Amino acid sequence: MKYLLLLAPCVLTVLTPLYNALTPDFLGIPLFYWLQLLLIPVSALAIWAADRVAKAQP
């Protein structure tokens, strides 16, 4: 389970052709850039959740 939590942000980051676009923009920032910035806290949450799962297992 913890590996799936860690794999999700990695796969989303690697699949750049899916979100390599200028539109939609957010506050004038193209999709590519704001999605990359959004993936930073998502990755941090996934790492935290994987750590909690690993500590809960004996």
PDB file of N, CA and C in Angstrom:
ATOM      1  N   MET A   1       0.814  -1.194   0.000  1.00  0.00           N
ATOM      2  CA  MET A   1       0.000   0.000   0.000  1.00  0.00           C
ATOM      3  C   MET A   1       0.858   1.259   0.000  1.00  0.00           C
ATOM      4  N   LYS A   2       1.931   1.238   0.807  1.00  0.00           N
ATOM      5  CA  LYS A   2       2.759   2.438   0.887  1.00  0.00           C
ATOM      6  C   LYS A   2       3.450   2.725  -0.442  1.00  0.00           C
ATOM      7  N   TYR A   3       3.752   1.684  -1.191  1.00  0.00           N
ATOM      8  CA  TYR A   3       4.404   1.904  -2.480  1.00  0.00           C
ATOM      9  C   TYR A   3       3.460   2.538  -3.496  1.00  0.00           C
ATOM     10  N   LEU A   4       2.191   2.208  -3.415  1.00  0.00           N
ATOM     11  CA  LEU A   4       1.215   2.854  -4.291  1.00  0.00           C
ATOM     12  C   LEU A   4       1.096   4.334  -3.966  1.00  0.00           C
ATOM     13  N   LEU A   5       1.158   4.673  -2.684  1.00  0.00           N
ATOM     14  CA  LEU A   5       1.103   6.073  -2.287  1.00  0.00           C
ATOM     15  C   LEU A   5       2.313   6.845  -2.809  1.00  0.00           C
ATOM     16  N   LEU A   6       3.449   6.194  -2.857  1.00  0.00           N
ATOM     17  CA  LEU A   6       4.655   6.851  -3.361  1.00  0.00           C
ATOM     18  C   LEU A   6       4.719   6.865  -4.882  1.00  0.00           C
ATOM     19  N   LEU A   7       4.086   5.910  -5.506  1.00  0.00           N
ATOM     20  CA  LEU A   7       4.131   5.810  -6.966  1.00  0.00           C
ATOM     21  C   LEU A   7       3.245   6.842  -7.659  1.00  0.00           C
ATOM     22  N   ALA A   8       2.124   7.177  -7.054  1.00  0.00           N
ATOM     23  CA  ALA A   8       1.165   8.084  -7.691  1.00  0.00           C
ATOM     24  C   ALA A   8       1.767   9.446  -8.059  1.00  0.00           C
ATOM     25  N   PRO A   9       2.426  10.173  -7.155  1.00  0.00           N
ATOM     26  CA  PRO A   9       3.001  11.460  -7.549  1.00  0.00           C
ATOM     27  C   PRO A   9       4.116  11.320  -8.588  1.00  0.00           C
ATOM     28  N   CYS A  10       4.872  10.223  -8.492  1.00  0.00           N
ATOM     29  CA  CYS A  10       5.943  10.009  -9.474  1.00  0.00           C
ATOM     30  C   CYS A  10       5.383   9.817 -10.875  1.00  0.00           C
ATOM     31  N   VAL A  11       4.342   9.025 -10.984  1.00  0.00           N
ATOM     32  CA  VAL A  11       3.726   8.768 -12.293  1.00  0.00           C
ATOM     33  C   VAL A  11       3.109  10.054 -12.843  1.00  0.00           C
ATOM     34  N   LEU A  12       2.439  10.812 -12.003  1.00  0.00           N
ATOM     35  CA  LEU A  12       1.844  12.079 -12.456  1.00  0.00           C
ATOM     36  C   LEU A  12       2.906  13.057 -12.954  1.00  0.00           C
ATOM     37  N   THR A  13       4.049  13.078 -12.300  1.00  0.00           N
ATOM     38  CA  THR A  13       5.117  13.982 -12.710  1.00  0.00           C
ATOM     39  C   THR A  13       5.737  13.555 -14.036  1.00  0.00           C
ATOM     40  N   VAL A  14       5.860  12.265 -14.237  1.00  0.00           N
ATOM     41  CA  VAL A  14       6.506  11.756 -15.455  1.00  0.00           C
ATOM     42  C   VAL A  14       5.602  11.886 -16.684  1.00  0.00           C
ATOM     43  N   LEU A  15       4.310  11.891 -16.492  1.00  0.00           N
ATOM     44  CA  LEU A  15       3.381  11.954 -17.619  1.00  0.00           C
ATOM     45  C   LEU A  15       3.135  13.390 -18.084  1.00  0.00           C
ATOM     46  N   THR A  16       4.204  14.122 -18.330  1.00  0.00           N
ATOM     47  CA  THR A  16       4.073  15.527 -18.731  1.00  0.00           C
ATOM     48  C   THR A  16       3.314  15.739 -20.037  1.00  0.00           C
ATOM     49  N   PRO A  17       3.337  14.828 -21.007  1.00  0.00           N
ATOM     50  CA  PRO A  17       2.544  15.090 -22.216  1.00  0.00           C
ATOM     51  C   PRO A  17       1.049  15.254 -21.942  1.00  0.00           C
ATOM     52  N   LEU A  18       0.561  14.726 -20.826  1.00  0.00           N
ATOM     53  CA  LEU A  18      -0.861  14.860 -20.507  1.00  0.00           C
ATOM     54  C   LEU A  18      -1.229  16.282 -20.100  1.00  0.00           C
ATOM     55  N   TYR A  19      -0.296  17.017 -19.526  1.00  0.00           N
ATOM     56  CA  TYR A  19      -0.619  18.364 -19.058  1.00  0.00           C
ATOM     57  C   TYR A  19       0.328  19.429 -19.599  1.00  0.00           C
ATOM     58  N   ASN A  20       0.998  19.150 -20.687  1.00  0.00           N
ATOM     59  CA  ASN A  20       1.873  20.124 -21.324  1.00  0.00           C
ATOM     60  C   ASN A  20       1.025  21.044 -22.206  1.00  0.00           C
ATOM     61  N   ALA A  21       0.391  22.029 -21.580  1.00  0.00           N
ATOM     62  CA  ALA A  21      -0.494  22.940 -22.304  1.00  0.00           C
ATOM     63  C   ALA A  21      -0.441  24.320 -21.664  1.00  0.00           C
ATOM     64  N   LEU A  22      -0.833  25.307 -22.424  1.00  0.00           N
ATOM     65  CA  LEU A  22      -0.883  26.666 -21.902  1.00  0.00           C
ATOM     66  C   LEU A  22      -2.216  26.967 -21.224  1.00  0.00           C
ATOM     67  N   THR A  23      -3.254  26.285 -21.670  1.00  0.00           N
ATOM     68  CA  THR A  23      -4.573  26.529 -21.089  1.00  0.00           C
ATOM     69  C   THR A  23      -5.030  25.279 -20.353  1.00  0.00           C
ATOM     70  N   PRO A  24      -5.770  25.330 -19.320  1.00  0.00           N
ATOM     71  CA  PRO A  24      -6.250  26.540 -18.666  1.00  0.00           C
ATOM     72  C   PRO A  24      -5.138  27.189 -17.853  1.00  0.00           C
ATOM     73  N   ASP A  25      -5.243  28.485 -17.689  1.00  0.00           N
ATOM     74  CA  ASP A  25      -4.259  29.162 -16.859  1.00  0.00           C
ATOM     75  C   ASP A  25      -4.894  29.578 -15.538  1.00  0.00           C
ATOM     76  N   PHE A  26      -4.066  29.747 -14.552  1.00  0.00           N
ATOM     77  CA  PHE A  26      -4.505  30.137 -13.212  1.00  0.00           C
ATOM     78  C   PHE A  26      -3.687  31.356 -12.809  1.00  0.00           C
ATOM     79  N   LEU A  27      -4.353  32.491 -12.705  1.00  0.00           N
ATOM     80  CA  LEU A  27      -3.691  33.764 -12.397  1.00  0.00           C
ATOM     81  C   LEU A  27      -2.592  34.084 -13.411  1.00  0.00           C
ATOM     82  N   GLY A  28      -2.832  33.734 -14.660  1.00  0.00           N
ATOM     83  CA  GLY A  28      -1.867  33.988 -15.724  1.00  0.00           C
ATOM     84  C   GLY A  28      -0.746  32.973 -15.818  1.00  0.00           C
ATOM     85  N   ILE A  29      -0.773  31.944 -14.979  1.00  0.00           N
ATOM     86  CA  ILE A  29       0.265  30.906 -14.999  1.00  0.00           C
ATOM     87  C   ILE A  29      -0.263  29.718 -15.782  1.00  0.00           C
ATOM     88  N   PRO A  30       0.459  29.269 -16.822  1.00  0.00           N
ATOM     89  CA  PRO A  30      -0.008  28.135 -17.626  1.00  0.00           C
ATOM     90  C   PRO A  30      -0.168  26.854 -16.807  1.00  0.00           C
ATOM     91  N   LEU A  31      -0.988  25.963 -17.319  1.00  0.00           N
ATOM     92  CA  LEU A  31      -1.309  24.691 -16.661  1.00  0.00           C
ATOM     93  C   LEU A  31      -0.058  23.916 -16.269  1.00  0.00           C
ATOM     94  N   PHE A  32       0.914  23.840 -17.153  1.00  0.00           N
ATOM     95  CA  PHE A  32       2.115  23.049 -16.889  1.00  0.00           C
ATOM     96  C   PHE A  32       2.789  23.486 -15.592  1.00  0.00           C
ATOM     97  N   TYR A  33       2.933  24.787 -15.400  1.00  0.00           N
ATOM     98  CA  TYR A  33       3.655  25.293 -14.239  1.00  0.00           C
ATOM     99  C   TYR A  33       2.850  25.159 -12.948  1.00  0.00           C
ATOM    100  N   TRP A  34       1.553  25.520 -12.985  1.00  0.00           N
ATOM    101  CA  TRP A  34       0.805  25.447 -11.724  1.00  0.00           C
ATOM    102  C   TRP A  34       0.527  24.009 -11.320  1.00  0.00           C
ATOM    103  N   LEU A  35       0.462  23.092 -12.282  1.00  0.00           N
ATOM    104  CA  LEU A  35       0.283  21.693 -11.904  1.00  0.00           C
ATOM    105  C   LEU A  35       1.565  21.130 -11.283  1.00  0.00           C
ATOM    106  N   GLN A  36       2.714  21.533 -11.817  1.00  0.00           N
ATOM    107  CA  GLN A  36       3.983  21.118 -11.207  1.00  0.00           C
ATOM    108  C   GLN A  36       4.094  21.649  -9.784  1.00  0.00           C
ATOM    109  N   LEU A  37       3.683  22.895  -9.568  1.00  0.00           N
ATOM    110  CA  LEU A  37       3.717  23.465  -8.219  1.00  0.00           C
ATOM    111  C   LEU A  37       2.707  22.787  -7.300  1.00  0.00           C
ATOM    112  N   LEU A  38       1.582  22.356  -7.841  1.00  0.00           N
ATOM    113  CA  LEU A  38       0.582  21.653  -7.040  1.00  0.00           C
ATOM    114  C   LEU A  38       1.070  20.259  -6.641  1.00  0.00           C
ATOM    115  N   LEU A  39       1.883  19.647  -7.488  1.00  0.00           N
ATOM    116  CA  LEU A  39       2.379  18.305  -7.188  1.00  0.00           C
ATOM    117  C   LEU A  39       3.380  18.283  -6.031  1.00  0.00           C
ATOM    118  N   ILE A  40       3.955  19.425  -5.675  1.00  0.00           N
ATOM    119  CA  ILE A  40       4.905  19.466  -4.557  1.00  0.00           C
ATOM    120  C   ILE A  40       4.208  19.127  -3.241  1.00  0.00           C
ATOM    121  N   PRO A  41       3.122  19.833  -2.862  1.00  0.00           N
ATOM    122  CA  PRO A  41       2.452  19.432  -1.614  1.00  0.00           C
ATOM    123  C   PRO A  41       1.758  18.076  -1.715  1.00  0.00           C
ATOM    124  N   VAL A  42       1.292  17.704  -2.900  1.00  0.00           N
ATOM    125  CA  VAL A  42       0.673  16.386  -3.072  1.00  0.00           C
ATOM    126  C   VAL A  42       1.716  15.297  -2.815  1.00  0.00           C
ATOM    127  N   SER A  43       2.923  15.493  -3.315  1.00  0.00           N
ATOM    128  CA  SER A  43       4.000  14.527  -3.077  1.00  0.00           C
ATOM    129  C   SER A  43       4.363  14.467  -1.597  1.00  0.00           C
ATOM    130  N   ALA A  44       4.413  15.618  -0.952  1.00  0.00           N
ATOM    131  CA  ALA A  44       4.724  15.643   0.476  1.00  0.00           C
ATOM    132  C   ALA A  44       3.656  14.897   1.278  1.00  0.00           C
ATOM    133  N   LEU A  45       2.395  15.082   0.935  1.00  0.00           N
ATOM    134  CA  LEU A  45       1.317  14.362   1.617  1.00  0.00           C
ATOM    135  C   LEU A  45       1.401  12.858   1.367  1.00  0.00           C
ATOM    136  N   ALA A  46       1.764  12.477   0.144  1.00  0.00           N
ATOM    137  CA  ALA A  46       1.886  11.056  -0.170  1.00  0.00           C
ATOM    138  C   ALA A  46       3.035  10.427   0.610  1.00  0.00           C
ATOM    139  N   ILE A  47       4.145  11.142   0.744  1.00  0.00           N
ATOM    140  CA  ILE A  47       5.278  10.633   1.518  1.00  0.00           C
ATOM    141  C   ILE A  47       4.892  10.502   2.987  1.00  0.00           C
ATOM    142  N   TRP A  48       4.195  11.500   3.511  1.00  0.00           N
ATOM    143  CA  TRP A  48       3.753  11.456   4.905  1.00  0.00           C
ATOM    144  C   TRP A  48       2.794  10.275   5.135  1.00  0.00           C
ATOM    145  N   ALA A  49       1.838  10.098   4.213  1.00  0.00           N
ATOM    146  CA  ALA A  49       0.872   9.006   4.349  1.00  0.00           C
ATOM    147  C   ALA A  49       1.568   7.647   4.254  1.00  0.00           C
ATOM    148  N   ALA A  50       2.533   7.509   3.360  1.00  0.00           N
ATOM    149  CA  ALA A  50       3.265   6.245   3.243  1.00  0.00           C
ATOM    150  C   ALA A  50       4.066   5.970   4.515  1.00  0.00           C
ATOM    151  N   ASP A  51       4.599   7.001   5.114  1.00  0.00           N
ATOM    152  CA  ASP A  51       5.335   6.832   6.376  1.00  0.00           C
ATOM    153  C   ASP A  51       4.391   6.384   7.484  1.00  0.00           C
ATOM    154  N   ARG A  52       3.214   6.965   7.554  1.00  0.00           N
ATOM    155  CA  ARG A  52       2.232   6.577   8.575  1.00  0.00           C
ATOM    156  C   ARG A  52       1.787   5.127   8.374  1.00  0.00           C
ATOM    157  N   VAL A  53       1.581   4.723   7.121  1.00  0.00           N
ATOM    158  CA  VAL A  53       1.195   3.340   6.829  1.00  0.00           C
ATOM    159  C   VAL A  53       2.316   2.387   7.224  1.00  0.00           C
ATOM    160  N   ALA A  54       3.563   2.762   6.914  1.00  0.00           N
ATOM    161  CA  ALA A  54       4.702   1.900   7.243  1.00  0.00           C
ATOM    162  C   ALA A  54       4.873   1.762   8.751  1.00  0.00           C
ATOM    163  N   LYS A  55       4.631   2.819   9.493  1.00  0.00           N
ATOM    164  CA  LYS A  55       4.777   2.755  10.955  1.00  0.00           C
ATOM    165  C   LYS A  55       3.627   1.985  11.597  1.00  0.00           C
ATOM    166  N   ALA A  56       2.485   1.959  10.951  1.00  0.00           N
ATOM    167  CA  ALA A  56       1.330   1.251  11.510  1.00  0.00           C
ATOM    168  C   ALA A  56       1.445  -0.257  11.318  1.00  0.00           C
ATOM    169  N   GLN A  57       2.200  -0.701  10.339  1.00  0.00           N
ATOM    170  CA  GLN A  57       2.360  -2.132  10.088  1.00  0.00           C
ATOM    171  C   GLN A  57       3.438  -2.684  11.030  1.00  0.00           C
ATOM    172  N   PRO A  58       3.194  -3.868  11.577  1.00  0.00           N
ATOM    173  CA  PRO A  58       4.198  -4.460  12.509  1.00  0.00           C
ATOM    174  C   PRO A  58       5.433  -4.950  11.803  1.00  0.00           C
TER     175      PRO A  58
END
